[in-house]
Amino acid sequence: MTHQYTYNIGYRGGSGGFLFLHFLLLSDQYYNDIFGNVDLSDVVKQQWNIANHSEWKNTEFWPNNHAIVEAKTDLDKLLYFCNPTAEDFFQKKHTVDIVAKWYQDIKDPAWPIITSVDDFVNLPQWISDEMYNTLECKNTLLYLADKDKTKTVWLYTDFDSQNELAYYKKAYFYYDQPDKEKIQKSTDLTETWQNLKVDKNAAYFLNHSDIQIKLQDLVNSPDSLIDHGLITHVSQKQHDLLKHWKSLHPPELLNKIGIK
């Protein structure tokens, strides 16, 4: 039995990406062996053990999307994209590039060049069969062929909240720039989406993703993810994660960005 869906989870820095990823993984509805040799429970424990908010980024564990695609499981999968290009997020370009390198290793000079998902899908059947039999990457090839259903989910917040969180954690606009002053004028950095001022680099993804999740809704009303079909219920482990995440922020910051 194979899993039903692959969810591309994307966000711009400072929007709560890891909180969202861990929240979904703690549902036990998704394949969660995605952090190499570290168990999910240990990842959650270590990543959120933050003593100094200016060192927030130092405890992160990043998943390996390629290993997730190729993993054999009957659970749904989550692929994780921080500040992705549209090509990677919507058109699977990173995976196409990996397969194109493999393909080059077995390619006959007369075979067509692969540069996109469409190129792969339109290969003659006998070449596709050769790839399946030779490359030993069946799940990756199925993922590209779209026999494996893919949904895109974009996590976002309003620009002012994103700016406050990024500044507090020295992330995104402030990453590796601890002395940078907080952004005050955001006109050139924003666009309007559904009457909300958002990071202009998120607007395209918000307009084209299948599901949009606002950070404040995730934290204040986690049951809303049930309505989106991402989880079936909210467990105590998930409630505990949200509670701990809030405890890592000053109450005045949470109040300022609309988190209860």
Protein backbone atom coordinates (compact mmCIF):
# COMPACT_ATOMS: atom_id res chain seq x y z
CA MET A 1 0.00 0.00 0.00
CA THR A 2 1.27 3.49 -0.82
CA HIS A 3 0.37 6.77 0.86
CA GLN A 4 -2.35 8.97 -0.60
CA TYR A 5 -0.95 12.50 -0.71
CA THR A 6 2.26 14.50 -0.60
CA TYR A 7 1.77 17.94 0.91
CA ASN A 8 4.22 20.68 -0.03
CA ILE A 9 4.40 22.88 3.08
CA GLY A 10 5.79 26.34 2.31
CA TYR A 11 6.32 29.67 4.07
CA ARG A 12 8.46 32.78 4.20
CA GLY A 13 10.80 33.20 7.14
CA GLY A 14 9.29 34.47 10.37
CA SER A 15 5.87 32.94 9.73
CA GLY A 16 6.11 29.90 12.03
CA GLY A 17 7.18 27.22 9.59
CA PHE A 18 8.74 24.78 12.04
CA LEU A 19 5.84 25.15 14.46
CA PHE A 20 3.48 24.18 11.65
CA LEU A 21 5.64 21.27 10.51
CA HIS A 22 6.00 19.81 14.01
CA PHE A 23 2.31 20.36 14.75
CA LEU A 24 1.34 18.32 11.69
CA LEU A 25 3.91 15.60 12.37
CA LEU A 26 2.67 15.21 15.95
CA SER A 27 -0.73 14.18 14.56
CA ASP A 28 0.83 10.79 13.69
CA GLN A 29 -1.00 11.01 10.36
CA TYR A 30 2.15 11.75 8.37
CA TYR A 31 5.41 9.95 7.72
CA ASN A 32 7.69 11.42 10.40
CA ASP A 33 11.04 9.68 10.04
CA ILE A 34 12.35 12.76 8.25
CA PHE A 35 15.20 14.04 10.42
CA GLY A 36 17.91 11.50 9.68
CA ASN A 37 18.87 9.56 12.80
CA VAL A 38 16.89 11.74 15.24
CA ASP A 39 13.39 10.72 16.35
CA LEU A 40 10.60 13.25 16.08
CA SER A 41 10.10 13.38 19.86
CA ASP A 42 13.78 14.25 20.33
CA VAL A 43 13.66 16.83 17.55
CA VAL A 44 10.70 18.57 19.18
CA LYS A 45 12.34 18.46 22.60
CA GLN A 46 15.69 19.78 21.40
CA GLN A 47 14.54 22.33 18.84
CA TRP A 48 12.16 24.10 21.23
CA ASN A 49 14.63 24.15 24.12
CA ILE A 50 15.37 27.82 23.52
CA ALA A 51 16.99 29.78 26.34
CA ASN A 52 17.85 32.90 24.34
CA HIS A 53 15.44 34.17 21.71
CA SER A 54 18.27 35.71 19.68
CA GLU A 55 19.63 32.18 19.17
CA TRP A 56 16.30 30.78 17.98
CA LYS A 57 17.74 29.54 14.71
CA ASN A 58 20.55 27.55 16.33
CA THR A 59 18.49 24.51 17.35
CA GLU A 60 16.70 23.76 14.07
CA PHE A 61 16.57 20.30 12.49
CA TRP A 62 15.96 20.42 8.76
CA PRO A 63 14.15 17.56 7.00
CA ASN A 64 15.48 15.99 3.80
CA ASN A 65 12.80 16.38 1.14
CA HIS A 66 14.41 13.99 -1.30
CA ALA A 67 14.62 11.21 1.29
CA ILE A 68 10.97 11.83 2.16
CA VAL A 69 9.88 11.52 -1.46
CA GLU A 70 11.71 8.22 -1.84
CA ALA A 71 10.60 6.76 1.50
CA LYS A 72 8.30 3.75 1.44
CA THR A 73 5.27 4.32 3.67
CA ASP A 74 1.49 4.06 3.69
CA LEU A 75 1.23 7.45 5.42
CA ASP A 76 0.84 10.83 3.76
CA LYS A 77 4.07 12.81 3.38
CA LEU A 78 5.10 16.39 4.13
CA LEU A 79 7.75 18.17 2.08
CA TYR A 80 9.13 21.32 3.71
CA PHE A 81 9.96 24.52 1.81
CA CYS A 82 11.34 27.66 3.46
CA ASN A 83 11.47 30.64 1.09
CA PRO A 84 11.12 28.41 -2.00
CA THR A 85 11.11 29.39 -5.63
CA ALA A 86 7.81 28.91 -7.42
CA GLU A 87 9.48 26.29 -9.62
CA ASP A 88 10.54 24.18 -6.64
CA PHE A 89 7.26 24.54 -4.77
CA PHE A 90 4.77 24.10 -7.60
CA GLN A 91 6.75 22.41 -10.38
CA LYS A 92 9.01 20.05 -8.39
CA LYS A 93 12.12 21.53 -9.98
CA HIS A 94 14.52 20.36 -7.28
CA THR A 95 13.39 16.76 -7.71
CA VAL A 96 13.48 17.11 -11.49
CA ASP A 97 17.10 18.25 -11.25
CA ILE A 98 18.01 15.22 -9.14
CA VAL A 99 16.32 12.80 -11.54
CA ALA A 100 17.89 14.56 -14.53
CA LYS A 101 21.35 13.79 -13.10
CA TRP A 102 20.45 10.12 -12.64
CA TYR A 103 18.94 10.02 -16.09
CA GLN A 104 22.13 11.46 -17.57
CA ASP A 105 24.07 8.52 -16.12
CA ILE A 106 22.04 5.96 -18.09
CA LYS A 107 21.00 8.13 -21.03
CA ASP A 108 21.64 7.00 -24.60
CA PRO A 109 22.77 9.93 -26.80
CA ALA A 110 19.54 9.59 -28.78
CA TRP A 111 17.29 9.97 -25.74
CA PRO A 112 15.56 13.32 -25.14
CA ILE A 113 16.81 15.78 -22.50
CA ILE A 114 14.85 16.15 -19.25
CA THR A 115 14.47 19.66 -17.84
CA SER A 116 10.89 19.63 -16.51
CA VAL A 117 8.18 17.38 -15.13
CA ASP A 118 6.47 17.46 -18.52
CA ASP A 119 9.66 16.24 -20.19
CA PHE A 120 9.72 13.31 -17.83
CA VAL A 121 6.01 12.47 -18.19
CA ASN A 122 6.24 12.60 -21.98
CA LEU A 123 9.17 10.19 -22.28
CA PRO A 124 8.51 7.13 -24.45
CA GLN A 125 7.25 4.25 -22.33
CA TRP A 126 10.26 2.07 -23.03
CA ILE A 127 12.63 4.77 -21.69
CA SER A 128 10.42 5.22 -18.61
CA ASP A 129 10.56 1.46 -18.06
CA GLU A 130 14.34 1.53 -18.32
CA MET A 131 14.50 4.25 -15.67
CA TYR A 132 12.20 2.34 -13.32
CA ASN A 133 14.25 -0.82 -13.71
CA THR A 134 17.69 0.78 -13.55
CA LEU A 135 17.58 3.73 -11.19
CA GLU A 136 15.85 2.09 -8.20
CA CYS A 137 13.98 5.27 -7.32
CA LYS A 138 10.41 4.23 -7.99
CA ASN A 139 8.73 6.56 -5.49
CA THR A 140 10.58 9.58 -6.81
CA LEU A 141 9.59 8.74 -10.37
CA LEU A 142 5.98 8.21 -9.33
CA TYR A 143 6.05 11.56 -7.54
CA LEU A 144 7.23 13.30 -10.71
CA ALA A 145 4.72 11.46 -12.86
CA ASP A 146 1.98 12.81 -10.57
CA LYS A 147 0.63 9.35 -9.91
CA ASP A 148 1.39 10.44 -6.39
CA LYS A 149 -1.11 13.20 -5.55
CA THR A 150 0.43 16.49 -4.46
CA LYS A 151 -1.22 19.36 -2.58
CA THR A 152 0.36 22.72 -1.79
CA VAL A 153 -0.12 24.35 1.62
CA TRP A 154 1.13 27.87 2.35
CA LEU A 155 1.59 29.13 5.90
CA TYR A 156 1.46 32.91 6.26
CA THR A 157 0.79 35.83 8.52
CA ASP A 158 0.37 39.56 8.00
CA PHE A 159 3.58 41.46 7.30
CA ASP A 160 3.66 43.36 10.59
CA SER A 161 3.40 40.12 12.59
CA GLN A 162 6.03 38.48 10.42
CA ASN A 163 8.35 41.43 10.94
CA GLU A 164 7.86 41.36 14.72
CA LEU A 165 8.54 37.62 14.92
CA ALA A 166 11.53 37.75 12.58
CA TYR A 167 13.06 40.62 14.54
CA TYR A 168 12.55 38.84 17.87
CA LYS A 169 14.16 35.64 16.60
CA LYS A 170 16.77 37.25 14.33
CA ALA A 171 15.32 35.34 11.38
CA TYR A 172 14.54 36.12 7.73
CA PHE A 173 15.13 39.90 7.28
CA TYR A 174 17.46 39.87 10.29
CA TYR A 175 19.25 36.54 9.89
CA ASP A 176 22.99 36.96 10.51
CA GLN A 177 22.34 40.68 11.08
CA PRO A 178 21.80 40.90 14.85
CA ASP A 179 22.36 44.67 14.93
CA LYS A 180 19.93 45.51 12.12
CA GLU A 181 17.20 47.88 13.23
CA LYS A 182 13.60 46.77 13.00
CA ILE A 183 11.99 47.55 9.65
CA GLN A 184 9.61 50.49 9.96
CA LYS A 185 8.72 51.28 6.35
CA SER A 186 7.35 48.25 4.53
CA THR A 187 5.74 49.65 1.39
CA ASP A 188 8.35 48.16 -0.93
CA LEU A 189 8.23 44.81 0.90
CA THR A 190 4.50 44.12 0.84
CA GLU A 191 1.51 43.32 -1.33
CA THR A 192 -2.17 43.11 -0.47
CA TRP A 193 -3.78 39.68 -0.41
CA GLN A 194 -7.42 39.37 0.62
CA ASN A 195 -7.29 42.83 2.20
CA LEU A 196 -4.24 41.87 4.25
CA LYS A 197 -0.76 43.36 3.94
CA VAL A 198 1.59 40.43 3.40
CA ASP A 199 5.20 39.80 2.43
CA LYS A 200 5.30 40.46 -1.30
CA ASN A 201 7.36 37.31 -1.75
CA ALA A 202 4.47 35.28 -0.35
CA ALA A 203 1.72 36.76 -2.53
CA TYR A 204 2.21 34.47 -5.53
CA PHE A 205 2.19 31.38 -3.32
CA LEU A 206 -0.94 32.52 -1.50
CA ASN A 207 -2.69 33.05 -4.82
CA HIS A 208 -1.74 29.66 -6.25
CA SER A 209 -1.57 27.20 -3.33
CA ASP A 210 -4.36 24.72 -2.61
CA ILE A 211 -4.60 25.55 1.09
CA GLN A 212 -3.63 28.72 3.00
CA ILE A 213 -3.11 28.61 6.77
CA LYS A 214 -2.66 31.76 8.84
CA LEU A 215 -0.26 31.46 11.77
CA GLN A 216 -2.71 33.10 14.15
CA ASP A 217 -5.39 30.55 13.21
CA LEU A 218 -2.97 27.67 13.76
CA VAL A 219 -2.15 28.87 17.28
CA ASN A 220 -5.50 30.31 18.36
CA SER A 221 -7.83 27.83 16.64
CA PRO A 222 -5.89 24.63 15.81
CA ASP A 223 -9.19 22.82 15.17
CA SER A 224 -9.41 24.91 11.97
CA LEU A 225 -6.87 22.54 10.42
CA ILE A 226 -9.46 19.78 10.70
CA ASP A 227 -11.69 21.79 8.37
CA HIS A 228 -8.84 21.94 5.86
CA GLY A 229 -8.47 18.16 5.99
CA LEU A 230 -4.90 18.31 7.30
CA ILE A 231 -5.63 16.52 10.61
CA THR A 232 -8.55 14.58 12.08
CA HIS A 233 -8.24 15.94 15.64
CA VAL A 234 -5.90 17.92 17.88
CA SER A 235 -3.96 15.77 20.34
CA GLN A 236 -2.58 16.71 23.74
CA LYS A 237 0.94 16.63 22.30
CA GLN A 238 -0.08 19.24 19.75
CA HIS A 239 -1.75 21.42 22.38
CA ASP A 240 1.40 21.15 24.50
CA LEU A 241 3.57 22.25 21.57
CA LEU A 242 1.43 25.33 20.93
CA LYS A 243 1.45 26.21 24.63
CA HIS A 244 5.23 25.86 24.84
CA TRP A 245 5.74 27.89 21.65
CA LYS A 246 3.69 30.72 23.12
CA SER A 247 5.70 30.56 26.35
CA LEU A 248 8.84 31.35 24.35
CA HIS A 249 7.45 34.79 23.44
CA PRO A 250 6.81 37.84 25.62
CA PRO A 251 3.06 38.27 26.31
CA GLU A 252 3.16 41.79 24.87
CA LEU A 253 4.55 40.44 21.56
CA LEU A 254 1.84 37.79 21.33
CA ASN A 255 -0.82 40.38 22.10
CA LYS A 256 0.60 42.73 19.47
CA ILE A 257 0.34 40.10 16.74
CA GLY A 258 -3.08 38.80 17.77
CA ILE A 259 -2.18 35.53 19.45
CA LYS A 260 -4.20 34.70 22.55
